[in-house]
Amino acid sequence: MSWTEEKFGEGKSYLGKTFEFEDFKEAWEFMNEVAEIAEELQHHPNWSNVYNRVTILLNTHDAGDTITDKDREMAKAIDGLFEDESK
């Protein structure tokens, strides 16, 4: 599944994607690894976790809550992490 672009409010948007895991522990481990990426890129997601699912929303607050290259770079890094863990 690819990232979807959603609009909300006046001129605001985000990239969103939900990742599914075997159980809560795997989902939490994924979130910890995404947190490391976020710190490295100094770009932090909006996200939620319900049992084995992690939903991530990316946008750049400093750019008026729109999608920027920072968001696309982070989405690509998160996808790479998920693919590595899925193997």
PDB file of N, CA and C in Angstrom:
ATOM      1  N   MET A   1       0.839  -1.183   0.000  1.00  0.00           N
ATOM      2  CA  MET A   1       0.000   0.000   0.000  1.00  0.00           C
ATOM      3  C   MET A   1       0.884   1.247   0.000  1.00  0.00           C
ATOM      4  N   SER A   2       0.480   2.224  -0.779  1.00  0.00           N
ATOM      5  CA  SER A   2       1.279   3.440  -0.869  1.00  0.00           C
ATOM      6  C   SER A   2       0.723   4.521   0.055  1.00  0.00           C
ATOM      7  N   TRP A   3       1.487   5.562   0.211  1.00  0.00           N
ATOM      8  CA  TRP A   3       1.061   6.707   0.995  1.00  0.00           C
ATOM      9  C   TRP A   3      -0.047   7.438   0.236  1.00  0.00           C
ATOM     10  N   THR A   4      -1.028   7.927   0.962  1.00  0.00           N
ATOM     11  CA  THR A   4      -2.094   8.697   0.340  1.00  0.00           C
ATOM     12  C   THR A   4      -1.969  10.156   0.765  1.00  0.00           C
ATOM     13  N   GLU A   5      -2.305  11.037  -0.147  1.00  0.00           N
ATOM     14  CA  GLU A   5      -2.299  12.459   0.164  1.00  0.00           C
ATOM     15  C   GLU A   5      -3.724  12.882   0.475  1.00  0.00           C
ATOM     16  N   GLU A   6      -3.897  13.452   1.644  1.00  0.00           N
ATOM     17  CA  GLU A   6      -5.216  13.894   2.090  1.00  0.00           C
ATOM     18  C   GLU A   6      -5.169  15.387   2.377  1.00  0.00           C
ATOM     19  N   LYS A   7      -6.229  16.060   2.030  1.00  0.00           N
ATOM     20  CA  LYS A   7      -6.342  17.489   2.311  1.00  0.00           C
ATOM     21  C   LYS A   7      -7.261  17.682   3.514  1.00  0.00           C
ATOM     22  N   PHE A   8      -6.955  18.693   4.314  1.00  0.00           N
ATOM     23  CA  PHE A   8      -7.814  19.055   5.441  1.00  0.00           C
ATOM     24  C   PHE A   8      -7.675  20.549   5.674  1.00  0.00           C
ATOM     25  N   GLY A   9      -8.742  21.175   6.014  1.00  0.00           N
ATOM     26  CA  GLY A   9      -8.682  22.611   6.280  1.00  0.00           C
ATOM     27  C   GLY A   9      -8.306  23.409   5.042  1.00  0.00           C
ATOM     28  N   GLU A  10      -8.060  24.659   5.234  1.00  0.00           N
ATOM     29  CA  GLU A  10      -7.725  25.597   4.157  1.00  0.00           C
ATOM     30  C   GLU A  10      -6.260  25.448   3.752  1.00  0.00           C
ATOM     31  N   GLY A  11      -6.022  24.789   2.615  1.00  0.00           N
ATOM     32  CA  GLY A  11      -4.668  24.673   2.072  1.00  0.00           C
ATOM     33  C   GLY A  11      -3.739  23.754   2.835  1.00  0.00           C
ATOM     34  N   LYS A  12      -4.268  22.883   3.666  1.00  0.00           N
ATOM     35  CA  LYS A  12      -3.444  21.976   4.463  1.00  0.00           C
ATOM     36  C   LYS A  12      -3.577  20.554   3.927  1.00  0.00           C
ATOM     37  N   SER A  13      -2.512  19.769   4.082  1.00  0.00           N
ATOM     38  CA  SER A  13      -2.542  18.381   3.614  1.00  0.00           C
ATOM     39  C   SER A  13      -1.542  17.544   4.396  1.00  0.00           C
ATOM     40  N   TYR A  14      -1.664  16.237   4.252  1.00  0.00           N
ATOM     41  CA  TYR A  14      -0.708  15.313   4.860  1.00  0.00           C
ATOM     42  C   TYR A  14      -0.605  14.055   4.015  1.00  0.00           C
ATOM     43  N   LEU A  15       0.521  13.359   4.195  1.00  0.00           N
ATOM     44  CA  LEU A  15       0.703  12.021   3.648  1.00  0.00           C
ATOM     45  C   LEU A  15       0.326  11.056   4.752  1.00  0.00           C
ATOM     46  N   GLY A  16      -0.465  10.045   4.445  1.00  0.00           N
ATOM     47  CA  GLY A  16      -0.891   9.098   5.457  1.00  0.00           C
ATOM     48  C   GLY A  16      -0.730   7.662   5.008  1.00  0.00           C
ATOM     49  N   LYS A  17      -0.452   6.793   5.972  1.00  0.00           N
ATOM     50  CA  LYS A  17      -0.329   5.362   5.688  1.00  0.00           C
ATOM     51  C   LYS A  17      -0.499   4.590   6.989  1.00  0.00           C
ATOM     52  N   THR A  18      -1.146   3.409   6.888  1.00  0.00           N
ATOM     53  CA  THR A  18      -1.290   2.517   8.037  1.00  0.00           C
ATOM     54  C   THR A  18      -0.485   1.254   7.784  1.00  0.00           C
ATOM     55  N   PHE A  19       0.306   0.884   8.777  1.00  0.00           N
ATOM     56  CA  PHE A  19       1.143  -0.312   8.721  1.00  0.00           C
ATOM     57  C   PHE A  19       0.561  -1.347   9.673  1.00  0.00           C
ATOM     58  N   GLU A  20       0.556  -2.607   9.253  1.00  0.00           N
ATOM     59  CA  GLU A  20      -0.001  -3.676  10.085  1.00  0.00           C
ATOM     60  C   GLU A  20       1.080  -4.699  10.404  1.00  0.00           C
ATOM     61  N   PHE A  21       1.052  -5.176  11.661  1.00  0.00           N
ATOM     62  CA  PHE A  21       2.066  -6.102  12.163  1.00  0.00           C
ATOM     63  C   PHE A  21       1.415  -7.343  12.759  1.00  0.00           C
ATOM     64  N   GLU A  22       2.234  -8.284  13.125  1.00  0.00           N
ATOM     65  CA  GLU A  22       1.763  -9.539  13.716  1.00  0.00           C
ATOM     66  C   GLU A  22       1.063  -9.296  15.056  1.00  0.00           C
ATOM     67  N   ASP A  23       1.633  -8.386  15.866  1.00  0.00           N
ATOM     68  CA  ASP A  23       1.082  -8.141  17.199  1.00  0.00           C
ATOM     69  C   ASP A  23       1.514  -6.757  17.697  1.00  0.00           C
ATOM     70  N   PHE A  24       1.103  -6.421  18.905  1.00  0.00           N
ATOM     71  CA  PHE A  24       1.403  -5.120  19.494  1.00  0.00           C
ATOM     72  C   PHE A  24       2.900  -4.907  19.653  1.00  0.00           C
ATOM     73  N   LYS A  25       3.605  -5.928  20.081  1.00  0.00           N
ATOM     74  CA  LYS A  25       5.049  -5.791  20.318  1.00  0.00           C
ATOM     75  C   LYS A  25       5.778  -5.404  19.032  1.00  0.00           C
ATOM     76  N   GLU A  26       5.450  -6.039  17.917  1.00  0.00           N
ATOM     77  CA  GLU A  26       6.093  -5.701  16.646  1.00  0.00           C
ATOM     78  C   GLU A  26       5.749  -4.269  16.223  1.00  0.00           C
ATOM     79  N   ALA A  27       4.501  -3.879  16.437  1.00  0.00           N
ATOM     80  CA  ALA A  27       4.094  -2.513  16.098  1.00  0.00           C
ATOM     81  C   ALA A  27       4.878  -1.501  16.931  1.00  0.00           C
ATOM     82  N   TRP A  28       5.042  -1.795  18.211  1.00  0.00           N
ATOM     83  CA  TRP A  28       5.759  -0.885  19.112  1.00  0.00           C
ATOM     84  C   TRP A  28       7.237  -0.804  18.723  1.00  0.00           C
ATOM     85  N   GLU A  29       7.840  -1.918  18.377  1.00  0.00           N
ATOM     86  CA  GLU A  29       9.247  -1.922  17.948  1.00  0.00           C
ATOM     87  C   GLU A  29       9.415  -1.071  16.686  1.00  0.00           C
ATOM     88  N   PHE A  30       8.471  -1.181  15.762  1.00  0.00           N
ATOM     89  CA  PHE A  30       8.490  -0.364  14.550  1.00  0.00           C
ATOM     90  C   PHE A  30       8.422   1.119  14.913  1.00  0.00           C
ATOM     91  N   MET A  31       7.543   1.466  15.835  1.00  0.00           N
ATOM     92  CA  MET A  31       7.422   2.863  16.253  1.00  0.00           C
ATOM     93  C   MET A  31       8.725   3.371  16.864  1.00  0.00           C
ATOM     94  N   ASN A  32       9.381   2.534  17.635  1.00  0.00           N
ATOM     95  CA  ASN A  32      10.672   2.939  18.212  1.00  0.00           C
ATOM     96  C   ASN A  32      11.691   3.230  17.122  1.00  0.00           C
ATOM     97  N   GLU A  33      11.711   2.400  16.087  1.00  0.00           N
ATOM     98  CA  GLU A  33      12.663   2.607  14.997  1.00  0.00           C
ATOM     99  C   GLU A  33      12.294   3.835  14.166  1.00  0.00           C
ATOM    100  N   VAL A  34      11.015   4.076  13.971  1.00  0.00           N
ATOM    101  CA  VAL A  34      10.584   5.292  13.275  1.00  0.00           C
ATOM    102  C   VAL A  34      10.980   6.522  14.092  1.00  0.00           C
ATOM    103  N   ALA A  35      10.896   6.429  15.416  1.00  0.00           N
ATOM    104  CA  ALA A  35      11.296   7.541  16.279  1.00  0.00           C
ATOM    105  C   ALA A  35      12.767   7.881  16.067  1.00  0.00           C
ATOM    106  N   GLU A  36      13.602   6.878  15.871  1.00  0.00           N
ATOM    107  CA  GLU A  36      15.027   7.113  15.605  1.00  0.00           C
ATOM    108  C   GLU A  36      15.202   7.866  14.287  1.00  0.00           C
ATOM    109  N   ILE A  37      14.459   7.463  13.266  1.00  0.00           N
ATOM    110  CA  ILE A  37      14.515   8.160  11.976  1.00  0.00           C
ATOM    111  C   ILE A  37      14.053   9.606  12.148  1.00  0.00           C
ATOM    112  N   ALA A  38      12.968   9.802  12.887  1.00  0.00           N
ATOM    113  CA  ALA A  38      12.428  11.148  13.106  1.00  0.00           C
ATOM    114  C   ALA A  38      13.458  12.049  13.778  1.00  0.00           C
ATOM    115  N   GLU A  39      14.144  11.522  14.765  1.00  0.00           N
ATOM    116  CA  GLU A  39      15.176  12.309  15.440  1.00  0.00           C
ATOM    117  C   GLU A  39      16.323  12.641  14.490  1.00  0.00           C
ATOM    118  N   GLU A  40      16.729  11.658  13.702  1.00  0.00           N
ATOM    119  CA  GLU A  40      17.819  11.863  12.752  1.00  0.00           C
ATOM    120  C   GLU A  40      17.457  12.944  11.727  1.00  0.00           C
ATOM    121  N   LEU A  41      16.222  12.910  11.232  1.00  0.00           N
ATOM    122  CA  LEU A  41      15.784  13.869  10.222  1.00  0.00           C
ATOM    123  C   LEU A  41      15.242  15.161  10.834  1.00  0.00           C
ATOM    124  N   GLN A  42      15.097  15.189  12.172  1.00  0.00           N
ATOM    125  CA  GLN A  42      14.476  16.321  12.863  1.00  0.00           C
ATOM    126  C   GLN A  42      13.115  16.650  12.247  1.00  0.00           C
ATOM    127  N   HIS A  43      12.341  15.583  12.056  1.00  0.00           N
ATOM    128  CA  HIS A  43      11.008  15.714  11.459  1.00  0.00           C
ATOM    129  C   HIS A  43      10.119  14.662  12.110  1.00  0.00           C
ATOM    130  N   HIS A  44       9.140  15.089  12.876  1.00  0.00           N
ATOM    131  CA  HIS A  44       8.392  14.183  13.739  1.00  0.00           C
ATOM    132  C   HIS A  44       6.963  13.994  13.244  1.00  0.00           C
ATOM    133  N   PRO A  45       6.521  12.732  13.181  1.00  0.00           N
ATOM    134  CA  PRO A  45       5.192  12.432  12.629  1.00  0.00           C
ATOM    135  C   PRO A  45       4.069  12.620  13.645  1.00  0.00           C
ATOM    136  N   ASN A  46       2.870  12.731  13.109  1.00  0.00           N
ATOM    137  CA  ASN A  46       1.659  12.526  13.903  1.00  0.00           C
ATOM    138  C   ASN A  46       1.330  11.053  13.700  1.00  0.00           C
ATOM    139  N   TRP A  47       1.080  10.336  14.772  1.00  0.00           N
ATOM    140  CA  TRP A  47       0.811   8.912  14.597  1.00  0.00           C
ATOM    141  C   TRP A  47      -0.062   8.372  15.717  1.00  0.00           C
ATOM    142  N   SER A  48      -0.593   7.187  15.452  1.00  0.00           N
ATOM    143  CA  SER A  48      -1.382   6.496  16.471  1.00  0.00           C
ATOM    144  C   SER A  48      -1.123   5.001  16.340  1.00  0.00           C
ATOM    145  N   ASN A  49      -1.374   4.308  17.437  1.00  0.00           N
ATOM    146  CA  ASN A  49      -1.174   2.864  17.480  1.00  0.00           C
ATOM    147  C   ASN A  49      -2.383   2.229  18.140  1.00  0.00           C
ATOM    148  N   VAL A  50      -2.976   1.260  17.445  1.00  0.00           N
ATOM    149  CA  VAL A  50      -4.040   0.438  18.015  1.00  0.00           C
ATOM    150  C   VAL A  50      -3.644  -1.002  17.769  1.00  0.00           C
ATOM    151  N   TYR A  51      -3.299  -1.679  18.861  1.00  0.00           N
ATOM    152  CA  TYR A  51      -2.827  -3.065  18.857  1.00  0.00           C
ATOM    153  C   TYR A  51      -1.741  -3.298  17.814  1.00  0.00           C
ATOM    154  N   ASN A  52      -2.068  -3.874  16.664  1.00  0.00           N
ATOM    155  CA  ASN A  52      -1.026  -4.250  15.699  1.00  0.00           C
ATOM    156  C   ASN A  52      -0.953  -3.285  14.511  1.00  0.00           C
ATOM    157  N   ARG A  53      -1.610  -2.143  14.618  1.00  0.00           N
ATOM    158  CA  ARG A  53      -1.609  -1.170  13.519  1.00  0.00           C
ATOM    159  C   ARG A  53      -1.003   0.151  13.968  1.00  0.00           C
ATOM    160  N   VAL A  54      -0.203   0.717  13.079  1.00  0.00           N
ATOM    161  CA  VAL A  54       0.388   2.028  13.308  1.00  0.00           C
ATOM    162  C   VAL A  54      -0.009   2.914  12.131  1.00  0.00           C
ATOM    163  N   THR A  55      -0.685   4.010  12.419  1.00  0.00           N
ATOM    164  CA  THR A  55      -1.065   4.971  11.388  1.00  0.00           C
ATOM    165  C   THR A  55      -0.168   6.195  11.530  1.00  0.00           C
ATOM    166  N   ILE A  56       0.446   6.590  10.411  1.00  0.00           N
ATOM    167  CA  ILE A  56       1.378   7.720  10.413  1.00  0.00           C
ATOM    168  C   ILE A  56       0.864   8.786   9.458  1.00  0.00           C
ATOM    169  N   LEU A  57       0.864  10.026   9.931  1.00  0.00           N
ATOM    170  CA  LEU A  57       0.505  11.187   9.124  1.00  0.00           C
ATOM    171  C   LEU A  57       1.708  12.129   9.099  1.00  0.00           C
ATOM    172  N   LEU A  58       2.119  12.518   7.902  1.00  0.00           N
ATOM    173  CA  LEU A  58       3.279  13.389   7.748  1.00  0.00           C
ATOM    174  C   LEU A  58       2.883  14.690   7.067  1.00  0.00           C
ATOM    175  N   ASN A  59       3.281  15.791   7.661  1.00  0.00           N
ATOM    176  CA  ASN A  59       3.236  17.094   7.002  1.00  0.00           C
ATOM    177  C   ASN A  59       4.241  17.994   7.711  1.00  0.00           C
ATOM    178  N   THR A  60       4.506  19.136   7.117  1.00  0.00           N
ATOM    179  CA  THR A  60       5.503  20.040   7.676  1.00  0.00           C
ATOM    180  C   THR A  60       4.797  21.243   8.290  1.00  0.00           C
ATOM    181  N   HIS A  61       4.852  21.322   9.605  1.00  0.00           N
ATOM    182  CA  HIS A  61       4.160  22.391  10.329  1.00  0.00           C
ATOM    183  C   HIS A  61       4.711  23.765   9.939  1.00  0.00           C
ATOM    184  N   ASP A  62       6.043  23.856   9.789  1.00  0.00           N
ATOM    185  CA  ASP A  62       6.673  25.133   9.446  1.00  0.00           C
ATOM    186  C   ASP A  62       6.282  25.626   8.056  1.00  0.00           C
ATOM    187  N   ALA A  63       5.721  24.743   7.235  1.00  0.00           N
ATOM    188  CA  ALA A  63       5.296  25.118   5.880  1.00  0.00           C
ATOM    189  C   ALA A  63       3.770  25.203   5.801  1.00  0.00           C
ATOM    190  N   GLY A  64       3.142  25.491   6.929  1.00  0.00           N
ATOM    191  CA  GLY A  64       1.692  25.658   6.946  1.00  0.00           C
ATOM    192  C   GLY A  64       0.924  24.359   6.895  1.00  0.00           C
ATOM    193  N   ASP A  65       1.513  23.303   7.464  1.00  0.00           N
ATOM    194  CA  ASP A  65       0.875  21.984   7.487  1.00  0.00           C
ATOM    195  C   ASP A  65       0.607  21.461   6.078  1.00  0.00           C
ATOM    196  N   THR A  66       1.609  21.593   5.234  1.00  0.00           N
ATOM    197  CA  THR A  66       1.543  21.056   3.875  1.00  0.00           C
ATOM    198  C   THR A  66       2.605  19.971   3.713  1.00  0.00           C
ATOM    199  N   ILE A  67       2.551  19.280   2.609  1.00  0.00           N
ATOM    200  CA  ILE A  67       3.517  18.217   2.302  1.00  0.00           C
ATOM    201  C   ILE A  67       4.724  18.839   1.608  1.00  0.00           C
ATOM    202  N   THR A  68       5.903  18.517   2.125  1.00  0.00           N
ATOM    203  CA  THR A  68       7.145  19.023   1.553  1.00  0.00           C
ATOM    204  C   THR A  68       8.078  17.848   1.270  1.00  0.00           C
ATOM    205  N   ASP A  69       9.251  18.162   0.742  1.00  0.00           N
ATOM    206  CA  ASP A  69      10.258  17.132   0.488  1.00  0.00           C
ATOM    207  C   ASP A  69      10.662  16.406   1.770  1.00  0.00           C
ATOM    208  N   LYS A  70      10.621  17.116   2.912  1.00  0.00           N
ATOM    209  CA  LYS A  70      10.936  16.474   4.194  1.00  0.00           C
ATOM    210  C   LYS A  70       9.988  15.301   4.451  1.00  0.00           C
ATOM    211  N   ASP A  71       8.720  15.496   4.123  1.00  0.00           N
ATOM    212  CA  ASP A  71       7.719  14.452   4.344  1.00  0.00           C
ATOM    213  C   ASP A  71       7.944  13.272   3.408  1.00  0.00           C
ATOM    214  N   ARG A  72       8.237  13.574   2.155  1.00  0.00           N
ATOM    215  CA  ARG A  72       8.495  12.502   1.184  1.00  0.00           C
ATOM    216  C   ARG A  72       9.748  11.724   1.540  1.00  0.00           C
ATOM    217  N   GLU A  73      10.778  12.421   2.026  1.00  0.00           N
ATOM    218  CA  GLU A  73      12.014  11.757   2.452  1.00  0.00           C
ATOM    219  C   GLU A  73      11.734  10.838   3.637  1.00  0.00           C
ATOM    220  N   MET A  74      10.964  11.324   4.586  1.00  0.00           N
ATOM    221  CA  MET A  74      10.653  10.503   5.763  1.00  0.00           C
ATOM    222  C   MET A  74       9.781   9.314   5.376  1.00  0.00           C
ATOM    223  N   ALA A  75       8.809   9.515   4.499  1.00  0.00           N
ATOM    224  CA  ALA A  75       7.954   8.410   4.054  1.00  0.00           C
ATOM    225  C   ALA A  75       8.794   7.322   3.396  1.00  0.00           C
ATOM    226  N   LYS A  76       9.748   7.726   2.586  1.00  0.00           N
ATOM    227  CA  LYS A  76      10.630   6.763   1.923  1.00  0.00           C
ATOM    228  C   LYS A  76      11.468   5.991   2.944  1.00  0.00           C
ATOM    229  N   ALA A  77      11.982   6.681   3.947  1.00  0.00           N
ATOM    230  CA  ALA A  77      12.769   6.022   4.991  1.00  0.00           C
ATOM    231  C   ALA A  77      11.909   5.043   5.792  1.00  0.00           C
ATOM    232  N   ILE A  78      10.671   5.434   6.106  1.00  0.00           N
ATOM    233  CA  ILE A  78       9.766   4.555   6.859  1.00  0.00           C
ATOM    234  C   ILE A  78       9.420   3.328   6.026  1.00  0.00           C
ATOM    235  N   ASP A  79       9.148   3.512   4.735  1.00  0.00           N
ATOM    236  CA  ASP A  79       8.868   2.369   3.869  1.00  0.00           C
ATOM    237  C   ASP A  79      10.047   1.406   3.828  1.00  0.00           C
ATOM    238  N   GLY A  80      11.267   1.932   3.744  1.00  0.00           N
ATOM    239  CA  GLY A  80      12.460   1.090   3.744  1.00  0.00           C
ATOM    240  C   GLY A  80      12.569   0.291   5.028  1.00  0.00           C
ATOM    241  N   LEU A  81      12.294   0.918   6.149  1.00  0.00           N
ATOM    242  CA  LEU A  81      12.320   0.247   7.447  1.00  0.00           C
ATOM    243  C   LEU A  81      11.273  -0.865   7.483  1.00  0.00           C
ATOM    244  N   PHE A  82      10.063  -0.578   7.040  1.00  0.00           N
ATOM    245  CA  PHE A  82       8.989  -1.573   7.050  1.00  0.00           C
ATOM    246  C   PHE A  82       9.339  -2.765   6.143  1.00  0.00           C
ATOM    247  N   GLU A  83       9.886  -2.474   4.980  1.00  0.00           N
ATOM    248  CA  GLU A  83      10.277  -3.555   4.064  1.00  0.00           C
ATOM    249  C   GLU A  83      11.352  -4.427   4.677  1.00  0.00           C
ATOM    250  N   ASP A  84      12.318  -3.820   5.353  1.00  0.00           N
ATOM    251  CA  ASP A  84      13.377  -4.599   6.012  1.00  0.00           C
ATOM    252  C   ASP A  84      12.812  -5.485   7.103  1.00  0.00           C
ATOM    253  N   GLU A  85      11.852  -4.987   7.854  1.00  0.00           N
ATOM    254  CA  GLU A  85      11.268  -5.763   8.947  1.00  0.00           C
ATOM    255  C   GLU A  85      10.336  -6.850   8.436  1.00  0.00           C
ATOM    256  N   SER A  86       9.785  -6.679   7.245  1.00  0.00           N
ATOM    257  CA  SER A  86       8.851  -7.647   6.689  1.00  0.00           C
ATOM    258  C   SER A  86       9.546  -8.877   6.107  1.00  0.00           C
ATOM    259  N   LYS A  87      10.848  -8.796   5.946  1.00  0.00           N
ATOM    260  CA  LYS A  87      11.597  -9.914   5.344  1.00  0.00           C
ATOM    261  C   LYS A  87      11.854 -11.008   6.337  1.00  0.00           C
TER     262      LYS A  87
END
